[in-house]
Every structure is written in C-alpha cells, then in structure tokens.
C-alpha cells in the first residue's frame, strides 16, 4: 500500500462584496496533496471560488455580499 501523507487542511469562510474583484487565495498546498471537493460547496481553487460567488449572486440577485467557503493549509504544528 502506498504511504498516504499526513496533511492538515482547514475550512475557511470568505466574504465577497458586490463590485469587488474575485479573491485570490494560495491553493498550492491543496493542489499538491490532491484535495478535492466534487460537490462544489467548498472551493479547492480560485476558479471554484469564482463559481461559488457567481452562483450565490444568481440565487440572491439583491445581495450586497455573499459568503464562500474554501480549504487552506492548517499551519498548526502536529
């Protein structure tokens, strides 16, 4: 059996305000370890964040801000 690396990720909440540019987060750690979310609810890339934000505004066109969720590296020492 192949050794599976011990990785730590954390779930983050972001806020996007209408009219702001799309946020850019560092997903190098997530990509390196192959973390994915096939449901599209929690972003694993900046493209997924953009899609999440766009869907939220489509669902609620009058919103002045929306929340989005994404994974990032948990830097807490093991």
C-alpha atoms as a PDB file:
ATOM      1  CA  UNK A   1       0.000   0.000   0.000  1.00  0.00           C
ATOM      2  CA  UNK A   2       1.291   3.438  -0.910  1.00  0.00           C
ATOM      3  CA  UNK A   3       2.081   5.739   2.020  1.00  0.00           C
ATOM      4  CA  UNK A   4      -0.533   8.461   2.315  1.00  0.00           C
ATOM      5  CA  UNK A   5       0.848  11.808   3.523  1.00  0.00           C
ATOM      6  CA  UNK A   6      -0.500  13.205   6.755  1.00  0.00           C
ATOM      7  CA  UNK A   7      -1.957  16.577   5.735  1.00  0.00           C
ATOM      8  CA  UNK A   8      -3.925  19.140   7.658  1.00  0.00           C
ATOM      9  CA  UNK A   9      -6.436  21.430   5.989  1.00  0.00           C
ATOM     10  CA  UNK A  10      -8.873  23.874   7.458  1.00  0.00           C
ATOM     11  CA  UNK A  11     -12.164  25.188   6.225  1.00  0.00           C
ATOM     12  CA  UNK A  12     -12.313  28.973   5.790  1.00  0.00           C
ATOM     13  CA  UNK A  13     -15.178  31.392   5.267  1.00  0.00           C
ATOM     14  CA  UNK A  14     -14.718  34.358   2.939  1.00  0.00           C
ATOM     15  CA  UNK A  15     -16.958  37.346   2.313  1.00  0.00           C
ATOM     16  CA  UNK A  16     -17.303  38.878  -1.147  1.00  0.00           C
ATOM     17  CA  UNK A  17     -18.905  42.295  -1.541  1.00  0.00           C
ATOM     18  CA  UNK A  18     -20.684  43.094  -4.788  1.00  0.00           C
ATOM     19  CA  UNK A  19     -18.441  45.130  -7.070  1.00  0.00           C
ATOM     20  CA  UNK A  20     -15.179  43.824  -5.583  1.00  0.00           C
ATOM     21  CA  UNK A  21     -12.832  41.720  -7.692  1.00  0.00           C
ATOM     22  CA  UNK A  22     -12.715  37.987  -7.133  1.00  0.00           C
ATOM     23  CA  UNK A  23     -10.450  36.966  -4.251  1.00  0.00           C
ATOM     24  CA  UNK A  24      -7.207  35.095  -4.879  1.00  0.00           C
ATOM     25  CA  UNK A  25      -6.049  32.527  -2.340  1.00  0.00           C
ATOM     26  CA  UNK A  26      -2.989  30.276  -2.340  1.00  0.00           C
ATOM     27  CA  UNK A  27      -4.078  26.728  -3.173  1.00  0.00           C
ATOM     28  CA  UNK A  28      -0.577  25.306  -3.784  1.00  0.00           C
ATOM     29  CA  UNK A  29      -0.735  23.058  -0.692  1.00  0.00           C
ATOM     30  CA  UNK A  30      -4.246  21.850  -1.517  1.00  0.00           C
ATOM     31  CA  UNK A  31      -3.339  21.116  -5.144  1.00  0.00           C
ATOM     32  CA  UNK A  32      -0.067  19.427  -4.185  1.00  0.00           C
ATOM     33  CA  UNK A  33      -1.893  16.911  -1.998  1.00  0.00           C
ATOM     34  CA  UNK A  34      -4.819  16.347  -4.348  1.00  0.00           C
ATOM     35  CA  UNK A  35      -7.546  17.657  -2.042  1.00  0.00           C
ATOM     36  CA  UNK A  36     -10.799  17.918  -3.996  1.00  0.00           C
ATOM     37  CA  UNK A  37     -14.446  18.595  -3.343  1.00  0.00           C
ATOM     38  CA  UNK A  38     -16.621  17.159  -6.061  1.00  0.00           C
ATOM     39  CA  UNK A  39     -19.775  18.772  -4.618  1.00  0.00           C
ATOM     40  CA  UNK A  40     -18.523  22.289  -5.360  1.00  0.00           C
ATOM     41  CA  UNK A  41     -19.561  23.519  -1.931  1.00  0.00           C
ATOM     42  CA  UNK A  42     -16.045  24.096  -0.633  1.00  0.00           C
ATOM     43  CA  UNK A  43     -13.549  25.571  -3.085  1.00  0.00           C
ATOM     44  CA  UNK A  44     -10.194  23.954  -3.785  1.00  0.00           C
ATOM     45  CA  UNK A  45      -9.130  26.542  -6.387  1.00  0.00           C
ATOM     46  CA  UNK A  46      -9.627  30.200  -7.242  1.00  0.00           C
ATOM     47  CA  UNK A  47     -11.834  29.176 -10.170  1.00  0.00           C
ATOM     48  CA  UNK A  48     -14.110  27.273  -7.786  1.00  0.00           C
ATOM     49  CA  UNK A  49     -14.312  30.361  -5.538  1.00  0.00           C
ATOM     50  CA  UNK A  50     -15.388  32.472  -8.527  1.00  0.00           C
ATOM     51  CA  UNK A  51     -18.042  29.895  -9.477  1.00  0.00           C
ATOM     52  CA  UNK A  52     -19.279  29.720  -5.882  1.00  0.00           C
ATOM     53  CA  UNK A  53     -19.597  33.519  -5.670  1.00  0.00           C
ATOM     54  CA  UNK A  54     -21.375  33.739  -9.030  1.00  0.00           C
ATOM     55  CA  UNK A  55     -23.875  31.026  -8.001  1.00  0.00           C
ATOM     56  CA  UNK A  56     -24.594  32.829  -4.725  1.00  0.00           C
ATOM     57  CA  UNK A  57     -25.371  36.123  -6.515  1.00  0.00           C
ATOM     58  CA  UNK A  58     -27.522  34.284  -9.067  1.00  0.00           C
ATOM     59  CA  UNK A  59     -29.556  32.761  -6.219  1.00  0.00           C
ATOM     60  CA  UNK A  60     -29.909  36.127  -4.500  1.00  0.00           C
ATOM     61  CA  UNK A  61     -29.572  38.951  -7.079  1.00  0.00           C
ATOM     62  CA  UNK A  62     -30.281  41.657  -4.482  1.00  0.00           C
ATOM     63  CA  UNK A  63     -27.451  40.614  -2.166  1.00  0.00           C
ATOM     64  CA  UNK A  64     -24.765  43.188  -1.432  1.00  0.00           C
ATOM     65  CA  UNK A  65     -22.406  40.478  -0.187  1.00  0.00           C
ATOM     66  CA  UNK A  66     -22.151  36.691  -0.191  1.00  0.00           C
ATOM     67  CA  UNK A  67     -20.159  34.120   1.724  1.00  0.00           C
ATOM     68  CA  UNK A  68     -17.939  31.498   0.161  1.00  0.00           C
ATOM     69  CA  UNK A  69     -16.071  28.536   1.615  1.00  0.00           C
ATOM     70  CA  UNK A  70     -12.633  27.200   0.765  1.00  0.00           C
ATOM     71  CA  UNK A  71      -9.908  24.903   2.031  1.00  0.00           C
ATOM     72  CA  UNK A  72      -6.475  26.105   3.064  1.00  0.00           C
ATOM     73  CA  UNK A  73      -3.423  24.648   4.761  1.00  0.00           C
ATOM     74  CA  UNK A  74      -3.714  24.259   8.516  1.00  0.00           C
ATOM     75  CA  UNK A  75      -0.385  25.597   9.761  1.00  0.00           C
ATOM     76  CA  UNK A  76      -0.926  24.322  13.301  1.00  0.00           C
ATOM     77  CA  UNK A  77       2.083  22.165  14.267  1.00  0.00           C
ATOM     78  CA  UNK A  78       1.289  18.459  14.653  1.00  0.00           C
END
